[in-house]
Amino acid sequence: SALGAGDRIKSPTYSLIEPYTLDDGRPAWHLDLYRIADPGELEW
């Protein structure tokens, strides 16, 4: 939020990954891998 990703920062608990664009145009990602059992699941 402080970097300008918006006021509504969703938890990626179920989606695993949430993308954002910061105020300066840079990309940002927030990942929550709690539900991952094996790193191979991340390929998709």
PDB file of all heavy atoms in Angstrom:
ATOM      1  N   SER A   1       0.832  -1.199   0.000  1.00  0.00           N
ATOM      2  CA  SER A   1       0.000   0.000   0.000  1.00  0.00           C
ATOM      3  C   SER A   1       0.870   1.253   0.000  1.00  0.00           C
ATOM      4  O   SER A   1       0.600   2.206  -0.740  1.00  0.00           O
ATOM      5  CB  SER A   1      -0.933  -0.020   1.204  1.00  0.00           C
ATOM      6  OG  SER A   1      -1.753   1.118   1.204  1.00  0.00           O
ATOM      7  N   ALA A   2       1.926   1.258   0.802  1.00  0.00           N
ATOM      8  CA  ALA A   2       2.823   2.418   0.872  1.00  0.00           C
ATOM      9  C   ALA A   2       3.543   2.658  -0.449  1.00  0.00           C
ATOM     10  O   ALA A   2       3.910   3.790  -0.763  1.00  0.00           O
ATOM     11  CB  ALA A   2       3.827   2.236   2.006  1.00  0.00           C
ATOM     12  N   LEU A   3       3.742   1.610  -1.238  1.00  0.00           N
ATOM     13  CA  LEU A   3       4.388   1.757  -2.546  1.00  0.00           C
ATOM     14  C   LEU A   3       3.397   2.125  -3.647  1.00  0.00           C
ATOM     15  O   LEU A   3       3.777   2.290  -4.798  1.00  0.00           O
ATOM     16  CB  LEU A   3       5.120   0.461  -2.929  1.00  0.00           C
ATOM     17  CG  LEU A   3       6.373   0.144  -2.125  1.00  0.00           C
ATOM     18  CD1 LEU A   3       6.930  -1.216  -2.529  1.00  0.00           C
ATOM     19  CD2 LEU A   3       7.423   1.230  -2.273  1.00  0.00           C
ATOM     20  N   GLY A   4       2.112   2.226  -3.290  1.00  0.00           N
ATOM     21  CA  GLY A   4       1.116   2.671  -4.245  1.00  0.00           C
ATOM     22  C   GLY A   4       0.373   1.564  -4.960  1.00  0.00           C
ATOM     23  O   GLY A   4      -0.187   1.788  -6.035  1.00  0.00           O
ATOM     24  N   ALA A   5       0.325   0.379  -4.385  1.00  0.00           N
ATOM     25  CA  ALA A   5      -0.392  -0.733  -5.010  1.00  0.00           C
ATOM     26  C   ALA A   5      -1.900  -0.603  -4.844  1.00  0.00           C
ATOM     27  O   ALA A   5      -2.643  -1.433  -5.358  1.00  0.00           O
ATOM     28  CB  ALA A   5       0.088  -2.062  -4.416  1.00  0.00           C
ATOM     29  N   GLY A   6      -2.335   0.410  -4.130  1.00  0.00           N
ATOM     30  CA  GLY A   6      -3.771   0.619  -3.926  1.00  0.00           C
ATOM     31  C   GLY A   6      -4.161   0.425  -2.484  1.00  0.00           C
ATOM     32  O   GLY A   6      -3.358   0.014  -1.651  1.00  0.00           O
ATOM     33  N   ASP A   7      -5.415   0.720  -2.202  1.00  0.00           N
ATOM     34  CA  ASP A   7      -5.921   0.587  -0.839  1.00  0.00           C
ATOM     35  C   ASP A   7      -6.453  -0.807  -0.561  1.00  0.00           C
ATOM     36  O   ASP A   7      -6.638  -1.185   0.575  1.00  0.00           O
ATOM     37  CB  ASP A   7      -7.037   1.610  -0.589  1.00  0.00           C
ATOM     38  CG  ASP A   7      -6.523   3.033  -0.623  1.00  0.00           C
ATOM     39  OD1 ASP A   7      -5.344   3.239  -0.297  1.00  0.00           O
ATOM     40  OD2 ASP A   7      -7.300   3.929  -1.003  1.00  0.00           O
ATOM     41  N   ARG A   8      -6.740  -1.542  -1.607  1.00  0.00           N
ATOM     42  CA  ARG A   8      -7.325  -2.868  -1.454  1.00  0.00           C
ATOM     43  C   ARG A   8      -6.297  -3.928  -1.809  1.00  0.00           C
ATOM     44  O   ARG A   8      -6.215  -4.372  -2.951  1.00  0.00           O
ATOM     45  CB  ARG A   8      -8.527  -2.967  -2.367  1.00  0.00           C
ATOM     46  CG  ARG A   8      -9.506  -3.817  -1.736  1.00  0.00           C
ATOM     47  CD  ARG A   8     -10.870  -3.664  -2.202  1.00  0.00           C
ATOM     48  NE  ARG A   8     -11.448  -4.763  -1.481  1.00  0.00           N
ATOM     49  CZ  ARG A   8     -12.113  -5.741  -1.968  1.00  0.00           C
ATOM     50  NH1 ARG A   8     -12.438  -5.737  -3.152  1.00  0.00           N
ATOM     51  NH2 ARG A   8     -12.511  -6.731  -1.271  1.00  0.00           N
ATOM     52  N   ILE A   9      -5.499  -4.319  -0.859  1.00  0.00           N
ATOM     53  CA  ILE A   9      -4.488  -5.352  -1.051  1.00  0.00           C
ATOM     54  C   ILE A   9      -5.106  -6.666  -0.578  1.00  0.00           C
ATOM     55  O   ILE A   9      -5.309  -6.869   0.616  1.00  0.00           O
ATOM     56  CB  ILE A   9      -3.199  -5.046  -0.238  1.00  0.00           C
ATOM     57  CG1 ILE A   9      -2.701  -3.624  -0.504  1.00  0.00           C
ATOM     58  CG2 ILE A   9      -2.137  -6.092  -0.512  1.00  0.00           C
ATOM     59  CD1 ILE A   9      -2.246  -3.344  -1.889  1.00  0.00           C
ATOM     60  N   LYS A  10      -5.392  -7.545  -1.536  1.00  0.00           N
ATOM     61  CA  LYS A  10      -6.042  -8.817  -1.202  1.00  0.00           C
ATOM     62  C   LYS A  10      -5.008  -9.817  -0.685  1.00  0.00           C
ATOM     63  O   LYS A  10      -3.876  -9.835  -1.135  1.00  0.00           O
ATOM     64  CB  LYS A  10      -6.721  -9.405  -2.443  1.00  0.00           C
ATOM     65  CG  LYS A  10      -7.845  -8.547  -2.965  1.00  0.00           C
ATOM     66  CD  LYS A  10      -8.677  -9.205  -4.043  1.00  0.00           C
ATOM     67  CE  LYS A  10      -7.912  -9.952  -5.075  1.00  0.00           C
ATOM     68  NZ  LYS A  10      -8.726 -10.449  -6.187  1.00  0.00           N
ATOM     69  N   SER A  11      -5.445 -10.654   0.220  1.00  0.00           N
ATOM     70  CA  SER A  11      -4.588 -11.740   0.690  1.00  0.00           C
ATOM     71  C   SER A  11      -4.551 -12.815  -0.387  1.00  0.00           C
ATOM     72  O   SER A  11      -5.600 -13.233  -0.885  1.00  0.00           O
ATOM     73  CB  SER A  11      -5.133 -12.330   1.986  1.00  0.00           C
ATOM     74  OG  SER A  11      -4.395 -13.491   2.313  1.00  0.00           O
ATOM     75  N   PRO A  12      -3.360 -13.287  -0.753  1.00  0.00           N
ATOM     76  CA  PRO A  12      -3.266 -14.330  -1.769  1.00  0.00           C
ATOM     77  C   PRO A  12      -3.392 -15.747  -1.204  1.00  0.00           C
ATOM     78  O   PRO A  12      -2.932 -16.709  -1.813  1.00  0.00           O
ATOM     79  CB  PRO A  12      -1.878 -14.091  -2.371  1.00  0.00           C
ATOM     80  CG  PRO A  12      -1.086 -13.496  -1.264  1.00  0.00           C
ATOM     81  CD  PRO A  12      -2.066 -12.709  -0.432  1.00  0.00           C
ATOM     82  N   THR A  13      -4.036 -15.905  -0.063  1.00  0.00           N
ATOM     83  CA  THR A  13      -4.150 -17.215   0.575  1.00  0.00           C
ATOM     84  C   THR A  13      -4.759 -18.247  -0.359  1.00  0.00           C
ATOM     85  O   THR A  13      -4.282 -19.377  -0.439  1.00  0.00           O
ATOM     86  CB  THR A  13      -4.984 -17.116   1.867  1.00  0.00           C
ATOM     87  OG1 THR A  13      -4.325 -16.221   2.756  1.00  0.00           O
ATOM     88  CG2 THR A  13      -5.121 -18.472   2.536  1.00  0.00           C
ATOM     89  N   TYR A  14      -5.801 -17.890  -1.097  1.00  0.00           N
ATOM     90  CA  TYR A  14      -6.463 -18.849  -1.981  1.00  0.00           C
ATOM     91  C   TYR A  14      -5.992 -18.738  -3.424  1.00  0.00           C
ATOM     92  O   TYR A  14      -5.908 -19.731  -4.136  1.00  0.00           O
ATOM     93  CB  TYR A  14      -7.980 -18.701  -1.885  1.00  0.00           C
ATOM     94  CG  TYR A  14      -8.464 -19.082  -0.523  1.00  0.00           C
ATOM     95  CD1 TYR A  14      -8.786 -18.118   0.426  1.00  0.00           C
ATOM     96  CD2 TYR A  14      -8.541 -20.418  -0.146  1.00  0.00           C
ATOM     97  CE1 TYR A  14      -9.201 -18.470   1.699  1.00  0.00           C
ATOM     98  CE2 TYR A  14      -8.944 -20.778   1.132  1.00  0.00           C
ATOM     99  CZ  TYR A  14      -9.272 -19.799   2.040  1.00  0.00           C
ATOM    100  OH  TYR A  14      -9.665 -20.153   3.307  1.00  0.00           O
ATOM    101  N   SER A  15      -5.657 -17.539  -3.879  1.00  0.00           N
ATOM    102  CA  SER A  15      -5.202 -17.353  -5.260  1.00  0.00           C
ATOM    103  C   SER A  15      -3.720 -17.689  -5.413  1.00  0.00           C
ATOM    104  O   SER A  15      -3.238 -17.861  -6.513  1.00  0.00           O
ATOM    105  CB  SER A  15      -5.448 -15.915  -5.701  1.00  0.00           C
ATOM    106  OG  SER A  15      -4.714 -15.014  -4.896  1.00  0.00           O
ATOM    107  N   LEU A  16      -2.990 -17.746  -4.319  1.00  0.00           N
ATOM    108  CA  LEU A  16      -1.547 -17.990  -4.230  1.00  0.00           C
ATOM    109  C   LEU A  16      -0.698 -16.801  -4.659  1.00  0.00           C
ATOM    110  O   LEU A  16       0.373 -16.594  -4.119  1.00  0.00           O
ATOM    111  CB  LEU A  16      -1.119 -19.232  -5.018  1.00  0.00           C
ATOM    112  CG  LEU A  16      -1.781 -20.547  -4.641  1.00  0.00           C
ATOM    113  CD1 LEU A  16      -1.240 -21.668  -5.502  1.00  0.00           C
ATOM    114  CD2 LEU A  16      -1.588 -20.855  -3.181  1.00  0.00           C
ATOM    115  N   ILE A  17      -1.149 -16.036  -5.641  1.00  0.00           N
ATOM    116  CA  ILE A  17      -0.366 -14.895  -6.113  1.00  0.00           C
ATOM    117  C   ILE A  17      -1.305 -13.758  -6.504  1.00  0.00           C
ATOM    118  O   ILE A  17      -2.339 -13.984  -7.119  1.00  0.00           O
ATOM    119  CB  ILE A  17       0.554 -15.299  -7.295  1.00  0.00           C
ATOM    120  CG1 ILE A  17       1.468 -14.155  -7.710  1.00  0.00           C
ATOM    121  CG2 ILE A  17      -0.258 -15.831  -8.465  1.00  0.00           C
ATOM    122  CD1 ILE A  17       2.581 -14.567  -8.663  1.00  0.00           C
ATOM    123  N   GLU A  18      -0.941 -12.538  -6.103  1.00  0.00           N
ATOM    124  CA  GLU A  18      -1.697 -11.344  -6.479  1.00  0.00           C
ATOM    125  C   GLU A  18      -0.723 -10.353  -7.117  1.00  0.00           C
ATOM    126  O   GLU A  18       0.286  -9.990  -6.508  1.00  0.00           O
ATOM    127  CB  GLU A  18      -2.359 -10.690  -5.260  1.00  0.00           C
ATOM    128  CG  GLU A  18      -3.520 -11.466  -4.673  1.00  0.00           C
ATOM    129  CD  GLU A  18      -4.736 -11.507  -5.576  1.00  0.00           C
ATOM    130  OE1 GLU A  18      -4.920 -10.590  -6.414  1.00  0.00           O
ATOM    131  OE2 GLU A  18      -5.507 -12.474  -5.445  1.00  0.00           O
ATOM    132  N   PRO A  19      -1.011  -9.923  -8.345  1.00  0.00           N
ATOM    133  CA  PRO A  19      -0.143  -8.950  -9.022  1.00  0.00           C
ATOM    134  C   PRO A  19      -0.605  -7.513  -8.763  1.00  0.00           C
ATOM    135  O   PRO A  19      -1.801  -7.262  -8.571  1.00  0.00           O
ATOM    136  CB  PRO A  19      -0.336  -9.309 -10.496  1.00  0.00           C
ATOM    137  CG  PRO A  19      -1.746  -9.800 -10.560  1.00  0.00           C
ATOM    138  CD  PRO A  19      -2.019 -10.485  -9.232  1.00  0.00           C
ATOM    139  N   TYR A  20       0.335  -6.576  -8.783  1.00  0.00           N
ATOM    140  CA  TYR A  20       0.032  -5.160  -8.600  1.00  0.00           C
ATOM    141  C   TYR A  20       0.945  -4.341  -9.500  1.00  0.00           C
ATOM    142  O   TYR A  20       2.012  -4.801  -9.888  1.00  0.00           O
ATOM    143  CB  TYR A  20       0.259  -4.726  -7.139  1.00  0.00           C
ATOM    144  CG  TYR A  20      -0.628  -5.451  -6.176  1.00  0.00           C
ATOM    145  CD1 TYR A  20      -0.183  -6.583  -5.509  1.00  0.00           C
ATOM    146  CD2 TYR A  20      -1.933  -5.025  -5.949  1.00  0.00           C
ATOM    147  CE1 TYR A  20      -1.008  -7.276  -4.634  1.00  0.00           C
ATOM    148  CE2 TYR A  20      -2.767  -5.714  -5.076  1.00  0.00           C
ATOM    149  CZ  TYR A  20      -2.287  -6.828  -4.427  1.00  0.00           C
ATOM    150  OH  TYR A  20      -3.106  -7.513  -3.568  1.00  0.00           O
ATOM    151  N   THR A  21       0.521  -3.127  -9.785  1.00  0.00           N
ATOM    152  CA  THR A  21       1.380  -2.145 -10.433  1.00  0.00           C
ATOM    153  C   THR A  21       1.552  -1.008  -9.439  1.00  0.00           C
ATOM    154  O   THR A  21       0.563  -0.450  -8.951  1.00  0.00           O
ATOM    155  CB  THR A  21       0.759  -1.625 -11.744  1.00  0.00           C
ATOM    156  OG1 THR A  21       0.564  -2.742 -12.621  1.00  0.00           O
ATOM    157  CG2 THR A  21       1.676  -0.611 -12.406  1.00  0.00           C
ATOM    158  N   LEU A  22       2.788  -0.680  -9.132  1.00  0.00           N
ATOM    159  CA  LEU A  22       3.085   0.360  -8.148  1.00  0.00           C
ATOM    160  C   LEU A  22       2.970   1.744  -8.777  1.00  0.00           C
ATOM    161  O   LEU A  22       2.929   1.880 -10.001  1.00  0.00           O
ATOM    162  CB  LEU A  22       4.487   0.134  -7.579  1.00  0.00           C
ATOM    163  CG  LEU A  22       4.716  -1.248  -6.958  1.00  0.00           C
ATOM    164  CD1 LEU A  22       6.147  -1.384  -6.460  1.00  0.00           C
ATOM    165  CD2 LEU A  22       3.723  -1.521  -5.837  1.00  0.00           C
ATOM    166  N   ASP A  23       2.927   2.775  -7.942  1.00  0.00           N
ATOM    167  CA  ASP A  23       2.802   4.157  -8.421  1.00  0.00           C
ATOM    168  C   ASP A  23       3.849   4.515  -9.464  1.00  0.00           C
ATOM    169  O   ASP A  23       3.583   5.274 -10.383  1.00  0.00           O
ATOM    170  CB  ASP A  23       2.908   5.149  -7.262  1.00  0.00           C
ATOM    171  CG  ASP A  23       1.594   5.321  -6.518  1.00  0.00           C
ATOM    172  OD1 ASP A  23       0.541   4.895  -7.043  1.00  0.00           O
ATOM    173  OD2 ASP A  23       1.627   5.867  -5.402  1.00  0.00           O
ATOM    174  N   ASP A  24       5.063   3.975  -9.328  1.00  0.00           N
ATOM    175  CA  ASP A  24       6.139   4.306 -10.261  1.00  0.00           C
ATOM    176  C   ASP A  24       6.162   3.391 -11.487  1.00  0.00           C
ATOM    177  O   ASP A  24       7.082   3.441 -12.291  1.00  0.00           O
ATOM    178  CB  ASP A  24       7.495   4.292  -9.556  1.00  0.00           C
ATOM    179  CG  ASP A  24       7.864   2.938  -8.990  1.00  0.00           C
ATOM    180  OD1 ASP A  24       7.148   1.939  -9.240  1.00  0.00           O
ATOM    181  OD2 ASP A  24       8.906   2.852  -8.296  1.00  0.00           O
ATOM    182  N   GLY A  25       5.145   2.541 -11.628  1.00  0.00           N
ATOM    183  CA  GLY A  25       5.038   1.672 -12.796  1.00  0.00           C
ATOM    184  C   GLY A  25       5.686   0.311 -12.649  1.00  0.00           C
ATOM    185  O   GLY A  25       5.522  -0.556 -13.508  1.00  0.00           O
ATOM    186  N   ARG A  26       6.419   0.105 -11.563  1.00  0.00           N
ATOM    187  CA  ARG A  26       7.053  -1.203 -11.366  1.00  0.00           C
ATOM    188  C   ARG A  26       6.010  -2.261 -11.050  1.00  0.00           C
ATOM    189  O   ARG A  26       4.997  -1.980 -10.427  1.00  0.00           O
ATOM    190  CB  ARG A  26       8.042  -1.159 -10.185  1.00  0.00           C
ATOM    191  CG  ARG A  26       9.302  -0.406 -10.473  1.00  0.00           C
ATOM    192  CD  ARG A  26      10.249  -0.461  -9.285  1.00  0.00           C
ATOM    193  NE  ARG A  26       9.647   0.215  -8.136  1.00  0.00           N
ATOM    194  CZ  ARG A  26       9.998   0.003  -6.873  1.00  0.00           C
ATOM    195  NH1 ARG A  26      10.947  -0.857  -6.578  1.00  0.00           N
ATOM    196  NH2 ARG A  26       9.418   0.664  -5.899  1.00  0.00           N
ATOM    197  N   PRO A  27       6.299  -3.513 -11.442  1.00  0.00           N
ATOM    198  CA  PRO A  27       5.397  -4.600 -11.057  1.00  0.00           C
ATOM    199  C   PRO A  27       5.682  -5.040  -9.622  1.00  0.00           C
ATOM    200  O   PRO A  27       6.799  -4.888  -9.121  1.00  0.00           O
ATOM    201  CB  PRO A  27       5.756  -5.720 -12.044  1.00  0.00           C
ATOM    202  CG  PRO A  27       7.194  -5.471 -12.384  1.00  0.00           C
ATOM    203  CD  PRO A  27       7.372  -3.969 -12.329  1.00  0.00           C
ATOM    204  N   ALA A  28       4.663  -5.573  -8.995  1.00  0.00           N
ATOM    205  CA  ALA A  28       4.815  -6.136  -7.650  1.00  0.00           C
ATOM    206  C   ALA A  28       3.955  -7.388  -7.570  1.00  0.00           C
ATOM    207  O   ALA A  28       2.903  -7.469  -8.205  1.00  0.00           O
ATOM    208  CB  ALA A  28       4.392  -5.134  -6.579  1.00  0.00           C
ATOM    209  N   TRP A  29       4.421  -8.351  -6.793  1.00  0.00           N
ATOM    210  CA  TRP A  29       3.667  -9.579  -6.568  1.00  0.00           C
ATOM    211  C   TRP A  29       3.695  -9.911  -5.091  1.00  0.00           C
ATOM    212  O   TRP A  29       4.714  -9.745  -4.427  1.00  0.00           O
ATOM    213  CB  TRP A  29       4.260 -10.750  -7.350  1.00  0.00           C
ATOM    214  CG  TRP A  29       4.004 -10.672  -8.821  1.00  0.00           C
ATOM    215  CD1 TRP A  29       2.866 -11.041  -9.478  1.00  0.00           C
ATOM    216  CD2 TRP A  29       4.889 -10.185  -9.812  1.00  0.00           C
ATOM    217  NE1 TRP A  29       3.003 -10.811 -10.823  1.00  0.00           N
ATOM    218  CE2 TRP A  29       4.239 -10.286 -11.047  1.00  0.00           C
ATOM    219  CE3 TRP A  29       6.188  -9.655  -9.778  1.00  0.00           C
ATOM    220  CZ2 TRP A  29       4.824  -9.895 -12.242  1.00  0.00           C
ATOM    221  CZ3 TRP A  29       6.772  -9.262 -10.958  1.00  0.00           C
ATOM    222  CH2 TRP A  29       6.078  -9.385 -12.169  1.00  0.00           C
ATOM    223  N   HIS A  30       2.566 -10.399  -4.617  1.00  0.00           N
ATOM    224  CA  HIS A  30       2.439 -10.880  -3.243  1.00  0.00           C
ATOM    225  C   HIS A  30       2.017 -12.342  -3.353  1.00  0.00           C
ATOM    226  O   HIS A  30       0.964 -12.651  -3.921  1.00  0.00           O
ATOM    227  CB  HIS A  30       1.388 -10.047  -2.507  1.00  0.00           C
ATOM    228  CG  HIS A  30       1.197 -10.434  -1.079  1.00  0.00           C
ATOM    229  ND1 HIS A  30       0.120  -9.981  -0.345  1.00  0.00           N
ATOM    230  CD2 HIS A  30       1.911 -11.204  -0.236  1.00  0.00           C
ATOM    231  CE1 HIS A  30       0.192 -10.466   0.879  1.00  0.00           C
ATOM    232  NE2 HIS A  30       1.267 -11.228   0.963  1.00  0.00           N
ATOM    233  N   LEU A  31       2.851 -13.231  -2.834  1.00  0.00           N
ATOM    234  CA  LEU A  31       2.576 -14.662  -2.888  1.00  0.00           C
ATOM    235  C   LEU A  31       2.360 -15.196  -1.487  1.00  0.00           C
ATOM    236  O   LEU A  31       3.043 -14.775  -0.546  1.00  0.00           O
ATOM    237  CB  LEU A  31       3.747 -15.434  -3.511  1.00  0.00           C
ATOM    238  CG  LEU A  31       4.003 -15.287  -4.997  1.00  0.00           C
ATOM    239  CD1 LEU A  31       4.709 -13.989  -5.312  1.00  0.00           C
ATOM    240  CD2 LEU A  31       4.836 -16.454  -5.486  1.00  0.00           C
ATOM    241  N   ASP A  32       1.436 -16.135  -1.359  1.00  0.00           N
ATOM    242  CA  ASP A  32       1.221 -16.862  -0.115  1.00  0.00           C
ATOM    243  C   ASP A  32       1.230 -18.339  -0.478  1.00  0.00           C
ATOM    244  O   ASP A  32       0.298 -18.841  -1.110  1.00  0.00           O
ATOM    245  CB  ASP A  32      -0.106 -16.466   0.521  1.00  0.00           C
ATOM    246  CG  ASP A  32      -0.346 -17.125   1.872  1.00  0.00           C
ATOM    247  OD1 ASP A  32       0.203 -18.230   2.116  1.00  0.00           O
ATOM    248  OD2 ASP A  32      -1.097 -16.567   2.680  1.00  0.00           O
ATOM    249  N   LEU A  33       2.277 -19.035  -0.101  1.00  0.00           N
ATOM    250  CA  LEU A  33       2.470 -20.426  -0.511  1.00  0.00           C
ATOM    251  C   LEU A  33       2.054 -21.433   0.557  1.00  0.00           C
ATOM    252  O   LEU A  33       2.419 -22.600   0.492  1.00  0.00           O
ATOM    253  CB  LEU A  33       3.933 -20.643  -0.903  1.00  0.00           C
ATOM    254  CG  LEU A  33       4.454 -19.691  -1.989  1.00  0.00           C
ATOM    255  CD1 LEU A  33       5.907 -20.023  -2.327  1.00  0.00           C
ATOM    256  CD2 LEU A  33       3.575 -19.704  -3.218  1.00  0.00           C
ATOM    257  N   TYR A  34       1.262 -20.993   1.522  1.00  0.00           N
ATOM    258  CA  TYR A  34       0.840 -21.873   2.614  1.00  0.00           C
ATOM    259  C   TYR A  34       0.185 -23.153   2.106  1.00  0.00           C
ATOM    260  O   TYR A  34       0.388 -24.223   2.654  1.00  0.00           O
ATOM    261  CB  TYR A  34      -0.121 -21.121   3.551  1.00  0.00           C
ATOM    262  CG  TYR A  34      -0.604 -21.968   4.698  1.00  0.00           C
ATOM    263  CD1 TYR A  34       0.253 -22.288   5.737  1.00  0.00           C
ATOM    264  CD2 TYR A  34      -1.911 -22.445   4.729  1.00  0.00           C
ATOM    265  CE1 TYR A  34      -0.182 -23.075   6.799  1.00  0.00           C
ATOM    266  CE2 TYR A  34      -2.356 -23.228   5.782  1.00  0.00           C
ATOM    267  CZ  TYR A  34      -1.485 -23.541   6.815  1.00  0.00           C
ATOM    268  OH  TYR A  34      -1.911 -24.328   7.852  1.00  0.00           O
ATOM    269  N   ARG A  35      -0.591 -23.055   1.057  1.00  0.00           N
ATOM    270  CA  ARG A  35      -1.344 -24.206   0.549  1.00  0.00           C
ATOM    271  C   ARG A  35      -0.548 -25.088  -0.410  1.00  0.00           C
ATOM    272  O   ARG A  35      -1.068 -26.066  -0.925  1.00  0.00           O
ATOM    273  CB  ARG A  35      -2.620 -23.730  -0.130  1.00  0.00           C
ATOM    274  CG  ARG A  35      -3.535 -23.030   0.846  1.00  0.00           C
ATOM    275  CD  ARG A  35      -4.841 -22.632   0.199  1.00  0.00           C
ATOM    276  NE  ARG A  35      -5.698 -21.977   1.160  1.00  0.00           N
ATOM    277  CZ  ARG A  35      -6.383 -22.593   2.110  1.00  0.00           C
ATOM    278  NH1 ARG A  35      -6.324 -23.877   2.243  1.00  0.00           N
ATOM    279  NH2 ARG A  35      -7.135 -21.912   2.948  1.00  0.00           N
ATOM    280  N   ILE A  36       0.705 -24.750  -0.662  1.00  0.00           N
ATOM    281  CA  ILE A  36       1.545 -25.532  -1.566  1.00  0.00           C
ATOM    282  C   ILE A  36       2.161 -26.703  -0.799  1.00  0.00           C
ATOM    283  O   ILE A  36       2.772 -26.511   0.249  1.00  0.00           O
ATOM    284  CB  ILE A  36       2.666 -24.651  -2.164  1.00  0.00           C
ATOM    285  CG1 ILE A  36       2.068 -23.558  -3.040  1.00  0.00           C
ATOM    286  CG2 ILE A  36       3.680 -25.485  -2.938  1.00  0.00           C
ATOM    287  CD1 ILE A  36       1.357 -24.055  -4.271  1.00  0.00           C
ATOM    288  N   ALA A  37       2.009 -27.907  -1.337  1.00  0.00           N
ATOM    289  CA  ALA A  37       2.594 -29.093  -0.692  1.00  0.00           C
ATOM    290  C   ALA A  37       3.949 -29.434  -1.296  1.00  0.00           C
ATOM    291  O   ALA A  37       4.804 -30.013  -0.627  1.00  0.00           O
ATOM    292  CB  ALA A  37       1.654 -30.287  -0.822  1.00  0.00           C
ATOM    293  N   ASP A  38       4.169 -29.047  -2.564  1.00  0.00           N
ATOM    294  CA  ASP A  38       5.404 -29.398  -3.266  1.00  0.00           C
ATOM    295  C   ASP A  38       5.774 -28.236  -4.191  1.00  0.00           C
ATOM    296  O   ASP A  38       4.897 -27.705  -4.878  1.00  0.00           O
ATOM    297  CB  ASP A  38       5.178 -30.679  -4.081  1.00  0.00           C
ATOM    298  CG  ASP A  38       6.427 -31.109  -4.793  1.00  0.00           C
ATOM    299  OD1 ASP A  38       6.646 -30.634  -5.937  1.00  0.00           O
ATOM    300  OD2 ASP A  38       7.186 -31.913  -4.216  1.00  0.00           O
ATOM    301  N   PRO A  39       7.050 -27.831  -4.233  1.00  0.00           N
ATOM    302  CA  PRO A  39       7.439 -26.717  -5.099  1.00  0.00           C
ATOM    303  C   PRO A  39       7.068 -26.923  -6.567  1.00  0.00           C
ATOM    304  O   PRO A  39       6.851 -25.958  -7.299  1.00  0.00           O
ATOM    305  CB  PRO A  39       8.960 -26.639  -4.928  1.00  0.00           C
ATOM    306  CG  PRO A  39       9.222 -27.236  -3.593  1.00  0.00           C
ATOM    307  CD  PRO A  39       8.175 -28.309  -3.420  1.00  0.00           C
ATOM    308  N   GLY A  40       6.941 -28.174  -7.028  1.00  0.00           N
ATOM    309  CA  GLY A  40       6.552 -28.448  -8.400  1.00  0.00           C
ATOM    310  C   GLY A  40       5.178 -27.903  -8.749  1.00  0.00           C
ATOM    311  O   GLY A  40       4.869 -27.652  -9.915  1.00  0.00           O
ATOM    312  N   GLU A  41       4.335 -27.699  -7.740  1.00  0.00           N
ATOM    313  CA  GLU A  41       2.994 -27.155  -7.965  1.00  0.00           C
ATOM    314  C   GLU A  41       3.034 -25.703  -8.454  1.00  0.00           C
ATOM    315  O   GLU A  41       2.045 -25.192  -8.965  1.00  0.00           O
ATOM    316  CB  GLU A  41       2.173 -27.218  -6.679  1.00  0.00           C
ATOM    317  CG  GLU A  41       1.880 -28.616  -6.189  1.00  0.00           C
ATOM    318  CD  GLU A  41       1.134 -28.607  -4.872  1.00  0.00           C
ATOM    319  OE1 GLU A  41       0.217 -27.782  -4.696  1.00  0.00           O
ATOM    320  OE2 GLU A  41       1.480 -29.427  -3.999  1.00  0.00           O
ATOM    321  N   LEU A  42       4.183 -25.049  -8.300  1.00  0.00           N
ATOM    322  CA  LEU A  42       4.285 -23.639  -8.668  1.00  0.00           C
ATOM    323  C   LEU A  42       4.462 -23.425 -10.170  1.00  0.00           C
ATOM    324  O   LEU A  42       4.328 -22.299 -10.646  1.00  0.00           O
ATOM    325  CB  LEU A  42       5.449 -22.985  -7.912  1.00  0.00           C
ATOM    326  CG  LEU A  42       5.309 -22.958  -6.404  1.00  0.00           C
ATOM    327  CD1 LEU A  42       6.570 -22.403  -5.767  1.00  0.00           C
ATOM    328  CD2 LEU A  42       4.100 -22.148  -5.985  1.00  0.00           C
ATOM    329  N   GLU A  43       4.748 -24.471 -10.922  1.00  0.00           N
ATOM    330  CA  GLU A  43       5.009 -24.326 -12.354  1.00  0.00           C
ATOM    331  C   GLU A  43       3.892 -23.608 -13.089  1.00  0.00           C
ATOM    332  O   GLU A  43       4.141 -22.791 -13.967  1.00  0.00           O
ATOM    333  CB  GLU A  43       5.246 -25.694 -12.986  1.00  0.00           C
ATOM    334  CG  GLU A  43       6.591 -26.278 -12.636  1.00  0.00           C
ATOM    335  CD  GLU A  43       6.823 -27.611 -13.329  1.00  0.00           C
ATOM    336  OE1 GLU A  43       6.364 -27.785 -14.466  1.00  0.00           O
ATOM    337  OE2 GLU A  43       7.478 -28.456 -12.705  1.00  0.00           O
ATOM    338  N   TRP A  44       2.655 -23.889 -12.760  1.00  0.00           N
ATOM    339  CA  TRP A  44       1.522 -23.303 -13.468  1.00  0.00           C
ATOM    340  C   TRP A  44       1.240 -21.854 -13.080  1.00  0.00           C
ATOM    341  O   TRP A  44       0.402 -21.201 -13.675  1.00  0.00           O
ATOM    342  CB  TRP A  44       0.268 -24.160 -13.278  1.00  0.00           C
ATOM    343  CG  TRP A  44      -0.171 -24.285 -11.855  1.00  0.00           C
ATOM    344  CD1 TRP A  44       0.222 -25.217 -10.959  1.00  0.00           C
ATOM    345  CD2 TRP A  44      -1.073 -23.429 -11.155  1.00  0.00           C
ATOM    346  NE1 TRP A  44      -0.369 -25.004  -9.734  1.00  0.00           N
ATOM    347  CE2 TRP A  44      -1.185 -23.904  -9.843  1.00  0.00           C
ATOM    348  CE3 TRP A  44      -1.811 -22.302 -11.516  1.00  0.00           C
ATOM    349  CZ2 TRP A  44      -1.994 -23.298  -8.893  1.00  0.00           C
ATOM    350  CZ3 TRP A  44      -2.614 -21.704 -10.560  1.00  0.00           C
ATOM    351  CH2 TRP A  44      -2.691 -22.204  -9.270  1.00  0.00           C
TER     352      TRP A  44
END
